Amino acid sequence: MSDLKLSLPERALLLILMAENAELSNKQISENYAPGLQLTGKSRIKLVEAKLIECRREGRSFLFSLADGGWWWGREELTREVPKGAGSAGQALYAVLKRLDHYLDATGRSLAQVLGVQPESDDRPAGPVATAPASRPAADEIEKRVRRAYGELAKAAGDWVGLADLRQHFGDVATADLDGVLRLMARMPGVHLEEETNQKGLEGRDRAAAVVIGSRDHHALAIEEL
């Protein structure tokens, strides 16, 4: 998807659908954003075939919404350079997008959570409630607990364990603290964090449990040696 070449209007249309988080017609896009900004012909076919948008016909009009692939594109777009010809407004927009990227990395939230298609609170089974501990656990202690929890969940070293299951062992640890340790561990030899390739197979708890590394949500952990 990173190799897909998009025009400036195509990028604008995807960002509009991402921000609105709703079905929009060409008429609504044109009236609410810019006269003449529409998704038609080859552009519509290209974005549908790339699985960036979903399109359905209602009467004589098409209605467009962002597909799962469009959300992944949007997360990557937060870190991209300003498109040529975007002008001063484009410079300002992409400055905001970069700040949004920093916010997502710092908080561990996903783009879809912030813009409303995923719940802010996950639907994992209730675990211990964090009760303002007197001191936060050190990073090395959290790492030891991650390895211990992984050993309990994995059938064998190197098996993939979903972060949704792993997080059930950390109800007393702040999400940001656990995410920070997971990001550090991802750089260690023999530790792997990966995104789920079958996005449609993800449940809400899996999406909510993801840790953001770079510009992607990662959903599963594997450790080669226990």
C-alpha atoms as a PDB file:
ATOM      1  CA  MET A   1       0.000   0.000   0.000  1.00  0.00           C
ATOM      2  CA  SER A   2       2.940   2.316   0.686  1.00  0.00           C
ATOM      3  CA  ASP A   3       3.797   2.109  -3.050  1.00  0.00           C
ATOM      4  CA  LEU A   4       0.359   3.344  -4.137  1.00  0.00           C
ATOM      5  CA  LYS A   5       0.643   6.753  -5.752  1.00  0.00           C
ATOM      6  CA  LEU A   6      -2.162   9.113  -4.794  1.00  0.00           C
ATOM      7  CA  SER A   7      -2.917  12.536  -6.173  1.00  0.00           C
ATOM      8  CA  LEU A   8      -3.411  15.498  -3.870  1.00  0.00           C
ATOM      9  CA  PRO A   9      -7.230  15.424  -4.324  1.00  0.00           C
ATOM     10  CA  GLU A  10      -7.271  11.683  -3.592  1.00  0.00           C
ATOM     11  CA  ARG A  11      -5.307  12.237  -0.387  1.00  0.00           C
ATOM     12  CA  ALA A  12      -7.644  15.062   0.575  1.00  0.00           C
ATOM     13  CA  LEU A  13     -10.698  12.878   0.024  1.00  0.00           C
ATOM     14  CA  LEU A  14      -9.267  10.081   2.175  1.00  0.00           C
ATOM     15  CA  LEU A  15      -8.433  12.529   4.972  1.00  0.00           C
ATOM     16  CA  ILE A  16     -11.962  13.939   4.800  1.00  0.00           C
ATOM     17  CA  LEU A  17     -13.497  10.467   5.096  1.00  0.00           C
ATOM     18  CA  MET A  18     -11.139   9.729   7.993  1.00  0.00           C
ATOM     19  CA  ALA A  19     -12.053  12.925   9.823  1.00  0.00           C
ATOM     20  CA  GLU A  20     -15.796  12.579   9.227  1.00  0.00           C
ATOM     21  CA  ASN A  21     -15.885   8.857  10.091  1.00  0.00           C
ATOM     22  CA  ALA A  22     -19.146   8.581   8.133  1.00  0.00           C
ATOM     23  CA  GLU A  23     -20.547   7.828   4.700  1.00  0.00           C
ATOM     24  CA  LEU A  24     -20.343  10.835   2.406  1.00  0.00           C
ATOM     25  CA  SER A  25     -21.639  11.502  -1.089  1.00  0.00           C
ATOM     26  CA  ASN A  26     -19.824  13.565  -3.687  1.00  0.00           C
ATOM     27  CA  LYS A  27     -22.409  16.291  -3.156  1.00  0.00           C
ATOM     28  CA  GLN A  28     -21.676  16.431   0.568  1.00  0.00           C
ATOM     29  CA  ILE A  29     -17.924  16.465  -0.018  1.00  0.00           C
ATOM     30  CA  SER A  30     -18.216  19.246  -2.584  1.00  0.00           C
ATOM     31  CA  GLU A  31     -20.623  21.377  -0.538  1.00  0.00           C
ATOM     32  CA  ASN A  32     -18.880  20.965   2.834  1.00  0.00           C
ATOM     33  CA  TYR A  33     -15.244  21.124   1.778  1.00  0.00           C
ATOM     34  CA  ALA A  34     -14.458  22.402  -1.695  1.00  0.00           C
ATOM     35  CA  PRO A  35     -16.513  22.928  -4.856  1.00  0.00           C
ATOM     36  CA  GLY A  36     -15.481  20.388  -7.449  1.00  0.00           C
ATOM     37  CA  LEU A  37     -13.776  18.022  -5.001  1.00  0.00           C
ATOM     38  CA  GLN A  38     -15.354  14.700  -5.950  1.00  0.00           C
ATOM     39  CA  LEU A  39     -14.488  11.036  -6.166  1.00  0.00           C
ATOM     40  CA  THR A  40     -15.316   9.750  -9.629  1.00  0.00           C
ATOM     41  CA  GLY A  41     -14.086   7.519 -12.441  1.00  0.00           C
ATOM     42  CA  LYS A  42     -10.576   6.106 -12.213  1.00  0.00           C
ATOM     43  CA  SER A  43      -9.918   7.581  -8.770  1.00  0.00           C
ATOM     44  CA  ARG A  44     -12.973   5.882  -7.306  1.00  0.00           C
ATOM     45  CA  ILE A  45     -12.037   2.544  -8.872  1.00  0.00           C
ATOM     46  CA  LYS A  46      -8.411   2.861  -7.752  1.00  0.00           C
ATOM     47  CA  LEU A  47      -9.294   3.548  -4.106  1.00  0.00           C
ATOM     48  CA  VAL A  48     -11.892   0.779  -4.016  1.00  0.00           C
ATOM     49  CA  GLU A  49      -9.539  -1.782  -5.575  1.00  0.00           C
ATOM     50  CA  ALA A  50      -6.786  -0.729  -3.132  1.00  0.00           C
ATOM     51  CA  LYS A  51      -9.295  -1.396  -0.317  1.00  0.00           C
ATOM     52  CA  LEU A  52      -8.881   2.149   0.999  1.00  0.00           C
ATOM     53  CA  ILE A  53     -12.561   3.000   0.699  1.00  0.00           C
ATOM     54  CA  GLU A  54     -15.895   1.262   0.563  1.00  0.00           C
ATOM     55  CA  CYS A  55     -18.463   2.417  -1.961  1.00  0.00           C
ATOM     56  CA  ARG A  56     -22.155   1.701  -2.321  1.00  0.00           C
ATOM     57  CA  ARG A  57     -24.807   3.076  -4.579  1.00  0.00           C
ATOM     58  CA  GLU A  58     -27.900   4.813  -3.255  1.00  0.00           C
ATOM     59  CA  GLY A  59     -30.270   5.946  -5.981  1.00  0.00           C
ATOM     60  CA  ARG A  60     -28.212   7.823  -8.535  1.00  0.00           C
ATOM     61  CA  SER A  61     -25.419   8.659  -6.093  1.00  0.00           C
ATOM     62  CA  PHE A  62     -22.442   6.843  -4.588  1.00  0.00           C
ATOM     63  CA  LEU A  63     -21.756   6.866  -0.862  1.00  0.00           C
ATOM     64  CA  PHE A  64     -18.152   6.533   0.307  1.00  0.00           C
ATOM     65  CA  SER A  65     -16.648   5.504   3.636  1.00  0.00           C
ATOM     66  CA  LEU A  66     -13.167   4.615   4.813  1.00  0.00           C
ATOM     67  CA  ALA A  67     -12.319   0.898   4.701  1.00  0.00           C
ATOM     68  CA  ASP A  68      -9.957  -0.806   7.141  1.00  0.00           C
ATOM     69  CA  GLY A  69      -7.152  -0.286   4.659  1.00  0.00           C
ATOM     70  CA  GLY A  70      -7.966   3.399   4.633  1.00  0.00           C
ATOM     71  CA  TRP A  71      -7.427   3.602   8.375  1.00  0.00           C
ATOM     72  CA  TRP A  72      -4.018   1.976   7.966  1.00  0.00           C
ATOM     73  CA  TRP A  73      -3.229   4.408   5.162  1.00  0.00           C
ATOM     74  CA  GLY A  74      -4.289   7.289   7.413  1.00  0.00           C
ATOM     75  CA  ARG A  75      -1.981   6.154  10.208  1.00  0.00           C
ATOM     76  CA  GLU A  76       0.930   6.091   7.776  1.00  0.00           C
ATOM     77  CA  GLU A  77      -0.064   9.453   6.302  1.00  0.00           C
ATOM     78  CA  LEU A  78       0.485  11.117   9.686  1.00  0.00           C
ATOM     79  CA  THR A  79       4.226  10.602   9.253  1.00  0.00           C
ATOM     80  CA  ARG A  80       4.576  11.400   5.541  1.00  0.00           C
ATOM     81  CA  GLU A  81       6.070  14.515   4.018  1.00  0.00           C
ATOM     82  CA  VAL A  82       3.812  17.325   2.850  1.00  0.00           C
ATOM     83  CA  PRO A  83       2.647  16.573  -0.717  1.00  0.00           C
ATOM     84  CA  LYS A  84       4.005  18.832  -3.427  1.00  0.00           C
ATOM     85  CA  GLY A  85       1.622  21.622  -4.309  1.00  0.00           C
ATOM     86  CA  ALA A  86      -0.231  21.444  -0.981  1.00  0.00           C
ATOM     87  CA  GLY A  87       0.397  25.119  -0.298  1.00  0.00           C
ATOM     88  CA  SER A  88       0.462  26.874   3.071  1.00  0.00           C
ATOM     89  CA  ALA A  89      -2.807  25.237   4.183  1.00  0.00           C
ATOM     90  CA  GLY A  90      -1.310  21.842   3.391  1.00  0.00           C
ATOM     91  CA  GLN A  91       1.813  22.675   5.389  1.00  0.00           C
ATOM     92  CA  ALA A  92      -0.360  23.598   8.353  1.00  0.00           C
ATOM     93  CA  LEU A  93      -2.490  20.440   7.992  1.00  0.00           C
ATOM     94  CA  TYR A  94       0.503  18.096   7.919  1.00  0.00           C
ATOM     95  CA  ALA A  95       2.042  19.880  10.913  1.00  0.00           C
ATOM     96  CA  VAL A  96      -1.142  18.994  12.821  1.00  0.00           C
ATOM     97  CA  LEU A  97      -1.033  15.411  11.508  1.00  0.00           C
ATOM     98  CA  LYS A  98       2.527  14.994  12.792  1.00  0.00           C
ATOM     99  CA  ARG A  99       1.473  16.230  16.231  1.00  0.00           C
ATOM    100  CA  LEU A 100      -1.380  13.710  16.153  1.00  0.00           C
ATOM    101  CA  ASP A 101       1.163  10.987  15.349  1.00  0.00           C
ATOM    102  CA  HIS A 102       3.226  11.994  18.405  1.00  0.00           C
ATOM    103  CA  TYR A 103       0.095  11.937  20.561  1.00  0.00           C
ATOM    104  CA  LEU A 104      -0.841   8.432  19.415  1.00  0.00           C
ATOM    105  CA  ASP A 105       2.667   7.158  20.101  1.00  0.00           C
ATOM    106  CA  ALA A 106       2.739   8.766  23.548  1.00  0.00           C
ATOM    107  CA  THR A 107      -0.661   7.502  24.658  1.00  0.00           C
ATOM    108  CA  GLY A 108      -0.765   4.127  22.920  1.00  0.00           C
ATOM    109  CA  ARG A 109      -4.113   4.945  21.332  1.00  0.00           C
ATOM    110  CA  SER A 110      -4.933   4.044  17.771  1.00  0.00           C
ATOM    111  CA  LEU A 111      -6.076   6.504  15.134  1.00  0.00           C
ATOM    112  CA  ALA A 112      -9.460   4.793  14.970  1.00  0.00           C
ATOM    113  CA  GLN A 113      -9.935   5.182  18.724  1.00  0.00           C
ATOM    114  CA  VAL A 114      -9.276   8.914  18.621  1.00  0.00           C
ATOM    115  CA  LEU A 115     -11.557   9.480  15.642  1.00  0.00           C
ATOM    116  CA  GLY A 116     -14.326   7.322  17.001  1.00  0.00           C
ATOM    117  CA  VAL A 117     -14.598   3.946  15.270  1.00  0.00           C
ATOM    118  CA  GLN A 118     -13.035   2.087  18.172  1.00  0.00           C
ATOM    119  CA  PRO A 119     -13.990   2.539  21.838  1.00  0.00           C
ATOM    120  CA  GLU A 120     -11.594   4.468  24.040  1.00  0.00           C
ATOM    121  CA  SER A 121     -12.011   1.811  26.694  1.00  0.00           C
ATOM    122  CA  ASP A 122     -11.322  -1.746  25.565  1.00  0.00           C
ATOM    123  CA  ASP A 123     -13.648  -4.675  26.074  1.00  0.00           C
ATOM    124  CA  ARG A 124     -11.134  -7.046  27.653  1.00  0.00           C
ATOM    125  CA  PRO A 125     -12.446  -9.110  30.552  1.00  0.00           C
ATOM    126  CA  ALA A 126     -12.294  -7.101  33.733  1.00  0.00           C
ATOM    127  CA  GLY A 127      -9.003  -7.454  35.550  1.00  0.00           C
ATOM    128  CA  PRO A 128      -7.593  -5.913  38.713  1.00  0.00           C
ATOM    129  CA  VAL A 129      -8.335  -2.223  38.987  1.00  0.00           C
ATOM    130  CA  ALA A 130      -5.332   0.058  39.227  1.00  0.00           C
ATOM    131  CA  THR A 131      -5.562   1.986  42.485  1.00  0.00           C
ATOM    132  CA  ALA A 132      -3.050   4.814  42.244  1.00  0.00           C
ATOM    133  CA  PRO A 133      -0.020   2.868  43.480  1.00  0.00           C
ATOM    134  CA  ALA A 134       2.451   4.678  45.680  1.00  0.00           C
ATOM    135  CA  SER A 135       5.194   4.056  43.112  1.00  0.00           C
ATOM    136  CA  ARG A 136       5.160   2.965  39.492  1.00  0.00           C
ATOM    137  CA  PRO A 137       6.907  -0.325  38.697  1.00  0.00           C
ATOM    138  CA  ALA A 138      10.300   0.006  37.099  1.00  0.00           C
ATOM    139  CA  ALA A 139      10.695  -0.841  33.433  1.00  0.00           C
ATOM    140  CA  ASP A 140      12.884  -3.877  34.150  1.00  0.00           C
ATOM    141  CA  GLU A 141      10.264  -5.254  36.554  1.00  0.00           C
ATOM    142  CA  ILE A 142       7.545  -4.839  33.904  1.00  0.00           C
ATOM    143  CA  GLU A 143       9.792  -6.597  31.384  1.00  0.00           C
ATOM    144  CA  LYS A 144      10.245  -9.547  33.744  1.00  0.00           C
ATOM    145  CA  ARG A 145       6.479  -9.737  34.184  1.00  0.00           C
ATOM    146  CA  VAL A 146       5.931  -9.601  30.418  1.00  0.00           C
ATOM    147  CA  ARG A 147       8.296 -12.524  29.907  1.00  0.00           C
ATOM    148  CA  ARG A 148       6.673 -14.447  32.748  1.00  0.00           C
ATOM    149  CA  ALA A 149       3.142 -13.798  31.415  1.00  0.00           C
ATOM    150  CA  TYR A 150       4.241 -14.761  27.918  1.00  0.00           C
ATOM    151  CA  GLY A 151       5.625 -18.031  29.268  1.00  0.00           C
ATOM    152  CA  GLU A 152       2.256 -18.806  30.843  1.00  0.00           C
ATOM    153  CA  LEU A 153       0.304 -18.004  27.681  1.00  0.00           C
ATOM    154  CA  ALA A 154       2.536 -19.464  24.954  1.00  0.00           C
ATOM    155  CA  LYS A 155       2.501 -23.198  24.276  1.00  0.00           C
ATOM    156  CA  ALA A 156       6.142 -23.001  23.245  1.00  0.00           C
ATOM    157  CA  ALA A 157       8.886 -20.399  22.864  1.00  0.00           C
ATOM    158  CA  GLY A 158       8.414 -18.392  19.690  1.00  0.00           C
ATOM    159  CA  ASP A 159       4.653 -18.873  19.535  1.00  0.00           C
ATOM    160  CA  TRP A 160       2.529 -15.794  18.934  1.00  0.00           C
ATOM    161  CA  VAL A 161       0.515 -14.467  21.881  1.00  0.00           C
ATOM    162  CA  GLY A 162      -2.136 -11.803  21.416  1.00  0.00           C
ATOM    163  CA  LEU A 163      -1.592  -8.580  23.337  1.00  0.00           C
ATOM    164  CA  ALA A 164      -5.253  -8.666  24.368  1.00  0.00           C
ATOM    165  CA  ASP A 165      -4.515 -11.840  26.360  1.00  0.00           C
ATOM    166  CA  LEU A 166      -1.210 -10.506  27.664  1.00  0.00           C
ATOM    167  CA  ARG A 167      -2.775  -7.311  29.011  1.00  0.00           C
ATOM    168  CA  GLN A 168      -5.062  -9.296  31.289  1.00  0.00           C
ATOM    169  CA  HIS A 169      -1.970  -9.905  33.439  1.00  0.00           C
ATOM    170  CA  PHE A 170      -1.309  -6.177  33.830  1.00  0.00           C
ATOM    171  CA  GLY A 171      -4.444  -4.643  35.286  1.00  0.00           C
ATOM    172  CA  ASP A 172      -2.302  -2.908  37.912  1.00  0.00           C
ATOM    173  CA  VAL A 173       0.101  -1.345  35.381  1.00  0.00           C
ATOM    174  CA  ALA A 174      -0.648   1.859  33.478  1.00  0.00           C
ATOM    175  CA  THR A 175      -1.214   1.264  29.767  1.00  0.00           C
ATOM    176  CA  ALA A 176       1.436   3.842  28.822  1.00  0.00           C
ATOM    177  CA  ASP A 177       4.015   2.123  31.065  1.00  0.00           C
ATOM    178  CA  LEU A 178       3.347  -1.325  29.598  1.00  0.00           C
ATOM    179  CA  ASP A 179       3.350   0.040  26.049  1.00  0.00           C
ATOM    180  CA  GLY A 180       6.670   1.775  26.657  1.00  0.00           C
ATOM    181  CA  VAL A 181       8.260  -1.464  27.832  1.00  0.00           C
ATOM    182  CA  LEU A 182       6.831  -3.410  24.895  1.00  0.00           C
ATOM    183  CA  ARG A 183       8.334  -0.852  22.504  1.00  0.00           C
ATOM    184  CA  LEU A 184      11.713  -1.263  24.200  1.00  0.00           C
ATOM    185  CA  MET A 185      11.464  -5.041  24.104  1.00  0.00           C
ATOM    186  CA  ALA A 186      10.675  -4.965  20.397  1.00  0.00           C
ATOM    187  CA  ARG A 187      14.261  -3.774  19.860  1.00  0.00           C
ATOM    188  CA  MET A 188      15.750  -6.666  21.858  1.00  0.00           C
ATOM    189  CA  PRO A 189      17.133  -9.795  20.169  1.00  0.00           C
ATOM    190  CA  GLY A 190      14.622 -12.618  20.040  1.00  0.00           C
ATOM    191  CA  VAL A 191      11.594 -10.430  20.778  1.00  0.00           C
ATOM    192  CA  HIS A 192       9.052  -9.743  18.041  1.00  0.00           C
ATOM    193  CA  LEU A 193       5.931  -7.602  17.913  1.00  0.00           C
ATOM    194  CA  GLU A 194       3.805  -7.814  14.780  1.00  0.00           C
ATOM    195  CA  GLU A 195       0.560  -6.495  13.380  1.00  0.00           C
ATOM    196  CA  GLU A 196      -2.254  -8.853  12.445  1.00  0.00           C
ATOM    197  CA  THR A 197      -2.303  -9.235   8.674  1.00  0.00           C
ATOM    198  CA  ASN A 198      -5.940 -10.365   8.656  1.00  0.00           C
ATOM    199  CA  GLN A 199      -7.484  -7.106   9.823  1.00  0.00           C
ATOM    200  CA  LYS A 200     -11.040  -8.316   9.299  1.00  0.00           C
ATOM    201  CA  GLY A 201     -10.380 -11.160  11.725  1.00  0.00           C
ATOM    202  CA  LEU A 202      -9.528  -8.801  14.575  1.00  0.00           C
ATOM    203  CA  GLU A 203     -12.011  -8.398  17.406  1.00  0.00           C
ATOM    204  CA  GLY A 204     -12.577  -5.153  19.262  1.00  0.00           C
ATOM    205  CA  ARG A 205     -10.445  -6.317  22.190  1.00  0.00           C
ATOM    206  CA  ASP A 206      -7.548  -7.047  19.814  1.00  0.00           C
ATOM    207  CA  ARG A 207      -7.688  -3.594  18.256  1.00  0.00           C
ATOM    208  CA  ALA A 208      -7.948  -1.901  21.642  1.00  0.00           C
ATOM    209  CA  ALA A 209      -4.972  -3.871  22.994  1.00  0.00           C
ATOM    210  CA  ALA A 210      -2.646  -2.974  20.112  1.00  0.00           C
ATOM    211  CA  VAL A 211       0.582  -1.122  20.809  1.00  0.00           C
ATOM    212  CA  VAL A 212       1.648   1.502  18.295  1.00  0.00           C
ATOM    213  CA  ILE A 213       5.219   1.257  17.020  1.00  0.00           C
ATOM    214  CA  GLY A 214       6.225   3.659  14.312  1.00  0.00           C
ATOM    215  CA  SER A 215       3.068   4.180  12.318  1.00  0.00           C
ATOM    216  CA  ARG A 216       1.456   0.753  12.804  1.00  0.00           C
ATOM    217  CA  ASP A 217      -0.648  -1.036  15.391  1.00  0.00           C
ATOM    218  CA  HIS A 218       0.931  -4.290  16.596  1.00  0.00           C
ATOM    219  CA  HIS A 219      -1.271  -7.023  18.041  1.00  0.00           C
ATOM    220  CA  ALA A 220       0.894 -10.052  18.900  1.00  0.00           C
ATOM    221  CA  LEU A 221       4.107 -10.857  20.765  1.00  0.00           C
ATOM    222  CA  ALA A 222       6.617 -13.687  20.271  1.00  0.00           C
ATOM    223  CA  ILE A 223       9.704 -14.357  22.402  1.00  0.00           C
ATOM    224  CA  GLU A 224      12.185 -16.888  21.067  1.00  0.00           C
ATOM    225  CA  GLU A 225      13.657 -17.950  24.415  1.00  0.00           C
ATOM    226  CA  LEU A 226      11.723 -18.241  27.677  1.00  0.00           C
END
